[in-house]
Protein backbone atom coordinates (compact mmCIF):
# COMPACT_ATOMS: atom_id res chain seq x y z
CA MET A 1 -0.02 -0.04 0.00
CA THR A 2 1.41 3.40 -0.95
CA GLU A 3 1.78 6.36 1.42
CA ASN A 4 -1.13 8.23 -0.17
CA ALA A 5 -3.37 5.24 0.13
CA ARG A 6 -2.52 4.85 3.82
CA ARG A 7 -3.36 8.50 4.42
CA ARG A 8 -6.65 8.20 2.58
CA THR A 9 -7.86 5.07 4.47
CA PRO A 10 -8.61 6.80 7.86
CA ARG A 11 -10.33 9.66 6.01
CA ILE A 12 -12.54 7.19 4.09
CA LEU A 13 -13.41 5.35 7.26
CA VAL A 14 -14.33 8.59 9.01
CA LEU A 15 -16.42 9.79 6.12
CA THR A 16 -18.18 6.41 5.92
CA GLY A 17 -18.92 6.47 9.63
CA LEU A 18 -20.27 10.00 9.43
CA THR A 19 -22.42 9.08 6.40
CA LEU A 20 -23.91 6.08 8.20
CA PHE A 21 -24.50 8.16 11.27
CA THR A 22 -26.25 10.88 9.22
CA VAL A 23 -28.48 8.32 7.54
CA TYR A 24 -29.31 6.69 10.91
CA SER A 25 -30.19 10.11 12.38
CA LEU A 26 -32.33 11.32 9.44
CA ALA A 27 -34.12 8.02 8.76
CA PRO A 28 -36.85 8.63 11.42
CA MET A 29 -37.45 12.13 10.14
CA TRP A 30 -37.76 10.84 6.57
CA PHE A 31 -40.21 8.15 7.68
CA LEU A 32 -42.27 10.73 9.52
CA LEU A 33 -42.33 13.05 6.48
CA VAL A 34 -43.33 10.31 4.13
CA SER A 35 -45.99 8.84 6.44
CA SER A 36 -47.65 12.18 7.08
CA THR A 37 -48.40 12.46 3.29
CA LYS A 38 -50.21 9.11 3.07
CA SER A 39 -53.80 8.12 3.42
CA GLN A 40 -54.80 5.54 6.11
CA HIS A 41 -54.82 2.80 3.47
CA ASP A 42 -51.50 3.68 1.95
CA LEU A 43 -49.91 3.95 5.41
CA TYR A 44 -50.24 0.24 5.87
CA ASN A 45 -50.03 -1.05 2.31
CA THR A 46 -47.20 0.87 0.70
CA ASN A 47 -43.45 1.20 1.21
CA GLY A 48 -42.88 3.09 4.48
CA LEU A 49 -39.85 4.88 3.15
CA TRP A 50 -41.38 6.27 -0.07
CA PHE A 51 -44.35 8.37 -1.11
CA ALA A 52 -47.67 7.11 -2.44
CA ASP A 53 -50.80 9.18 -3.10
CA PHE A 54 -49.89 12.63 -1.75
CA ARG A 55 -52.49 13.57 0.82
CA LEU A 56 -50.56 15.84 3.14
CA TRP A 57 -52.95 18.81 2.85
CA GLU A 58 -55.96 16.58 3.50
CA ASN A 59 -54.30 15.10 6.58
CA LEU A 60 -53.47 18.55 7.87
CA LYS A 61 -56.99 19.78 7.29
CA MET A 62 -58.37 16.75 9.19
CA LEU A 63 -55.77 17.28 11.91
CA PHE A 64 -56.84 20.85 12.58
CA THR A 65 -60.56 20.16 12.45
CA TYR A 66 -60.86 16.83 14.19
CA ASN A 67 -62.74 17.03 17.52
CA ASP A 68 -63.30 20.76 17.05
CA GLY A 69 -59.64 21.50 16.44
CA ILE A 70 -58.45 20.07 19.79
CA PHE A 71 -54.91 19.66 18.38
CA LEU A 72 -54.46 23.44 18.14
CA ARG A 73 -55.40 23.66 21.77
CA TRP A 74 -52.83 21.06 22.69
CA MET A 75 -50.17 22.94 20.67
CA ALA A 76 -50.97 26.18 22.45
CA ASN A 77 -50.76 24.38 25.76
CA SER A 78 -47.40 22.87 24.87
CA ILE A 79 -46.04 26.31 23.86
CA TRP A 80 -47.30 27.91 27.02
CA TYR A 81 -45.98 25.20 29.36
CA GLY A 82 -42.71 25.00 27.52
CA VAL A 83 -42.04 28.74 27.37
CA ALA A 84 -43.13 29.47 30.96
CA SER A 85 -41.18 26.61 32.51
CA THR A 86 -38.08 27.11 30.40
CA VAL A 87 -37.84 30.90 30.96
CA GLY A 88 -38.08 30.33 34.70
CA MET A 89 -35.59 27.54 34.56
CA THR A 90 -33.11 29.55 32.50
CA ILE A 91 -33.20 32.48 34.85
CA ILE A 92 -32.78 30.30 37.99
CA CYS A 93 -30.02 28.20 36.45
CA ILE A 94 -28.04 31.14 35.09
CA ALA A 95 -28.23 32.91 38.47
CA CYS A 96 -27.24 29.75 40.36
CA GLY A 97 -24.44 28.90 37.96
CA TYR A 98 -23.12 32.47 38.09
CA GLY A 99 -23.10 32.47 41.87
CA LEU A 100 -21.37 29.13 42.15
CA ALA A 101 -18.73 30.22 39.64
CA MET A 102 -18.03 33.81 40.70
CA TYR A 103 -18.35 33.70 44.49
CA ARG A 104 -16.41 31.87 47.23
CA PHE A 105 -18.53 31.07 50.33
CA PRO A 106 -18.66 28.40 53.10
CA GLY A 107 -20.46 25.25 51.92
CA ARG A 108 -19.92 25.97 48.20
CA GLY A 109 -18.29 22.54 47.69
CA VAL A 110 -21.12 20.74 49.49
CA LEU A 111 -23.71 22.67 47.55
CA MET A 112 -21.97 21.79 44.25
CA ALA A 113 -21.78 18.11 45.30
CA CYS A 114 -25.52 18.15 46.01
CA VAL A 115 -26.17 19.64 42.50
CA ILE A 116 -24.03 16.92 40.85
CA GLY A 117 -25.45 14.20 43.10
CA SER A 118 -28.96 15.09 42.05
CA PHE A 119 -28.12 13.93 38.54
CA LEU A 120 -28.43 10.37 39.90
CA VAL A 121 -32.03 10.83 41.12
CA PRO A 122 -34.46 9.51 38.44
CA GLY A 123 -37.27 11.96 37.65
CA ALA A 124 -39.88 9.16 38.08
CA LEU A 125 -38.77 8.73 41.70
CA LEU A 126 -40.10 12.22 42.43
CA THR A 127 -43.54 11.53 40.99
CA ILE A 128 -45.30 10.39 44.18
CA PRO A 129 -43.76 13.05 46.46
CA SER A 130 -44.57 15.75 43.85
CA PHE A 131 -48.13 14.44 43.46
CA LEU A 132 -48.72 14.56 47.21
CA LEU A 133 -47.21 18.04 47.50
CA PHE A 134 -49.22 19.45 44.56
CA THR A 135 -52.37 17.83 45.91
CA ASP A 136 -51.90 19.68 49.18
CA LEU A 137 -51.26 22.91 47.34
CA GLY A 138 -54.28 22.41 45.08
CA LEU A 139 -52.18 22.40 41.91
CA VAL A 140 -53.11 19.01 40.47
CA ASP A 141 -54.89 19.33 37.05
CA THR A 142 -53.59 22.90 36.69
CA PRO A 143 -50.86 24.17 34.29
CA TRP A 144 -48.61 25.00 37.32
CA ALA A 145 -48.28 21.29 38.07
CA VAL A 146 -46.35 20.98 34.77
CA ILE A 147 -44.63 24.38 34.77
CA LEU A 148 -43.24 24.54 38.34
CA PRO A 149 -41.20 21.28 38.21
CA GLY A 150 -39.48 22.56 35.00
CA PHE A 151 -37.96 25.45 36.98
CA PHE A 152 -35.38 23.19 38.62
CA ALA A 153 -32.74 21.53 36.35
CA PRO A 154 -29.49 20.54 38.16
CA LEU A 155 -27.74 19.71 34.90
CA SER A 156 -28.44 23.18 33.60
CA VAL A 157 -27.07 24.72 36.78
CA TYR A 158 -23.90 22.80 36.25
CA LEU A 159 -23.70 23.82 32.58
CA ALA A 160 -24.20 27.47 33.59
CA LYS A 161 -21.46 27.23 36.18
CA VAL A 162 -18.95 25.72 33.76
CA TYR A 163 -19.81 28.35 31.08
CA ALA A 164 -19.59 31.25 33.55
CA GLU A 165 -16.17 30.16 34.62
CA GLY A 166 -14.93 30.23 31.07
CA ALA A 167 -16.84 33.26 29.78
CA ILE A 168 -16.57 35.80 32.62
CA PRO A 169 -13.13 37.09 33.66
CA PRO A 170 -13.00 37.71 37.44
CA GLU A 171 -10.93 40.83 36.65
CA LEU A 172 -13.79 42.34 34.81
CA LEU A 173 -16.02 41.96 37.82
CA GLU A 174 -13.43 43.42 40.09
CA ALA A 175 -13.14 46.42 37.83
CA ALA A 176 -16.91 46.91 37.92
CA ARG A 177 -16.86 46.77 41.77
CA ILE A 178 -14.08 49.34 41.82
CA ASP A 179 -16.24 51.67 39.62
CA GLY A 180 -18.98 51.35 42.16
CA ALA A 181 -21.31 48.90 40.51
CA GLY A 182 -23.38 46.69 42.83
CA GLU A 183 -23.60 42.89 42.58
CA TYR A 184 -27.07 42.87 40.99
CA ARG A 185 -26.00 45.47 38.42
CA ILE A 186 -22.84 43.46 37.63
CA PHE A 187 -24.91 40.26 37.17
CA PHE A 188 -27.55 41.73 34.87
CA GLN A 189 -25.36 44.09 32.86
CA ILE A 190 -22.15 42.04 32.63
CA GLY A 191 -22.78 38.46 33.65
CA VAL A 192 -26.03 37.88 31.78
CA ARG A 193 -24.64 39.45 28.57
CA LEU A 194 -21.48 37.32 28.68
CA MET A 195 -23.48 34.25 29.41
CA SER A 196 -26.01 34.84 26.61
CA THR A 197 -24.72 31.94 24.51
CA GLY A 198 -24.88 29.57 27.44
CA ALA A 199 -28.30 30.89 28.38
CA ALA A 200 -29.51 30.24 24.81
CA THR A 201 -28.18 26.67 24.94
CA ILE A 202 -29.82 26.03 28.32
CA PHE A 203 -33.08 27.51 27.10
CA LEU A 204 -33.10 25.37 23.95
CA LEU A 205 -32.31 22.15 25.79
CA GLY A 206 -34.87 23.00 28.43
CA PHE A 207 -37.57 23.81 25.85
CA ILE A 208 -36.98 20.62 23.97
CA GLY A 209 -37.30 18.66 27.25
CA ALA A 210 -40.48 20.52 28.21
CA TRP A 211 -41.97 20.14 24.76
CA ASN A 212 -41.36 16.34 24.71
CA ALA A 213 -42.42 15.86 28.35
CA PHE A 214 -44.91 13.10 28.68
CA TYR A 215 -44.80 11.44 32.13
CA PHE A 216 -45.61 14.48 34.33
CA PRO A 217 -48.50 15.83 32.14
CA LEU A 218 -49.86 12.23 32.10
CA VAL A 219 -49.82 12.09 35.90
CA PHE A 220 -50.93 15.65 36.76
CA LEU A 221 -53.35 16.70 33.99
CA ARG A 222 -56.85 15.30 33.75
CA GLY A 223 -59.09 17.08 31.19
CA GLU A 224 -58.05 16.89 27.58
CA GLN A 225 -58.35 20.64 27.23
CA LYS A 226 -55.23 20.94 29.42
CA TRP A 227 -53.18 18.21 27.65
CA THR A 228 -49.97 18.80 25.76
CA ALA A 229 -49.46 17.84 22.11
CA MET A 230 -47.40 14.77 23.05
CA LEU A 231 -50.07 13.52 25.48
CA GLY A 232 -52.88 14.25 23.07
CA LEU A 233 -51.24 12.38 20.18
CA TYR A 234 -50.71 9.43 22.56
CA SER A 235 -54.43 9.47 23.44
CA TRP A 236 -55.25 9.26 19.67
CA LEU A 237 -53.16 6.11 19.44
CA ASN A 238 -55.24 4.58 22.24
CA VAL A 239 -58.48 5.45 20.36
CA LYS A 240 -57.64 2.61 17.90
CA VAL A 241 -57.51 0.12 20.80
CA GLU A 242 -60.61 1.40 22.66
CA ASN A 243 -62.98 2.32 19.79
CA SER A 244 -61.59 0.55 16.68
CA LEU A 245 -61.11 4.04 15.19
CA ASP A 246 -57.65 4.33 13.56
CA LEU A 247 -56.12 7.84 13.80
CA THR A 248 -52.66 6.88 12.94
CA SER A 249 -52.45 9.16 9.91
CA LEU A 250 -53.51 12.09 12.10
CA VAL A 251 -50.86 11.15 14.68
CA GLU A 252 -48.23 11.16 11.94
CA ALA A 253 -49.31 14.56 10.66
CA GLY A 254 -49.49 15.88 14.22
CA ALA A 255 -45.99 14.67 15.01
CA LEU A 256 -44.73 16.48 11.90
CA VAL A 257 -46.47 19.75 12.87
CA SER A 258 -45.14 19.47 16.42
CA LEU A 259 -41.57 19.71 15.12
CA ILE A 260 -42.14 23.20 13.73
CA PRO A 261 -41.75 25.17 17.01
CA MET A 262 -38.51 23.43 17.85
CA VAL A 263 -37.11 24.02 14.36
CA ALA A 264 -38.12 27.68 14.50
CA LEU A 265 -36.49 28.05 17.91
CA MET A 266 -33.27 26.48 16.74
CA LEU A 267 -33.07 28.81 13.75
CA SER A 268 -33.98 31.90 15.80
CA MET A 269 -31.12 31.28 18.28
CA GLN A 270 -28.33 30.78 15.77
CA ARG A 271 -27.20 34.37 16.19
CA TYR A 272 -26.51 33.75 19.89
CA TRP A 273 -24.18 30.85 19.11
CA ARG A 274 -22.43 32.86 16.39
CA SER A 275 -21.82 35.78 18.81
CA GLY A 276 -20.53 33.35 21.42
CA ILE A 277 -18.00 31.84 18.93
CA THR A 278 -16.93 35.29 17.86
CA LEU A 279 -16.47 36.37 21.42
CA GLY A 280 -14.38 33.29 22.11
CA SER A 281 -12.12 34.05 19.18
CA LEU A 282 -11.61 37.68 20.34
CA LYS A 283 -10.54 36.45 23.74
């Protein structure tokens, strides 16, 4: 084997691996796109990875009108729950991460160990205590039963701490204090701006988690008018089992529509990541 051939072999292997990974990642999206364009008959009797009779617009019309347009209500609920819980979580996590990174105080190490240790606690383990607590507070079957638990995300606190340590020079804060700025002013005018890229990442990850949340809405929400899109689509799958009415084509179309907010959020936040990369290069 020649020297050029030996150099090309690792590159070919890497490109092959990346191609296979890309195909593996995009295959579910392709299947969802193709399935949402099919009628109920074609969904079960044609190739799942290729188009048949194109009926996307009919499926969307049926999706938005079925059961008095309940799907639009579920989408609005998902957006409301996701935005409210994620905004609160982002503010809390950025403030906690900033405090853990920029200040030295007794018990800081113990507090950080508790934050990291909480990663090991499964979310399902908190269901019964949360249900009992929300029952006493009268929050069961209300939006706050889904929104309030989303305020607390230990992993996001850790990410905010790590980002603050790398993005905020301690000398800059000392200079602001010498100029007479208070701690709150330093945090909001300096810390938050320098952590904007980290905050955008935390918000995006939190919103995706809140948007795809299924277990907590299933436990805490009763009436279908308060359900999220994920929970509502799941209920349509159960209709086939209970009433012999197959709504699979509506579920496929609904799953496709439910991706739009996350794609729009990803595109709208690109400028924050670009500014963060530029800031890092200037440093």
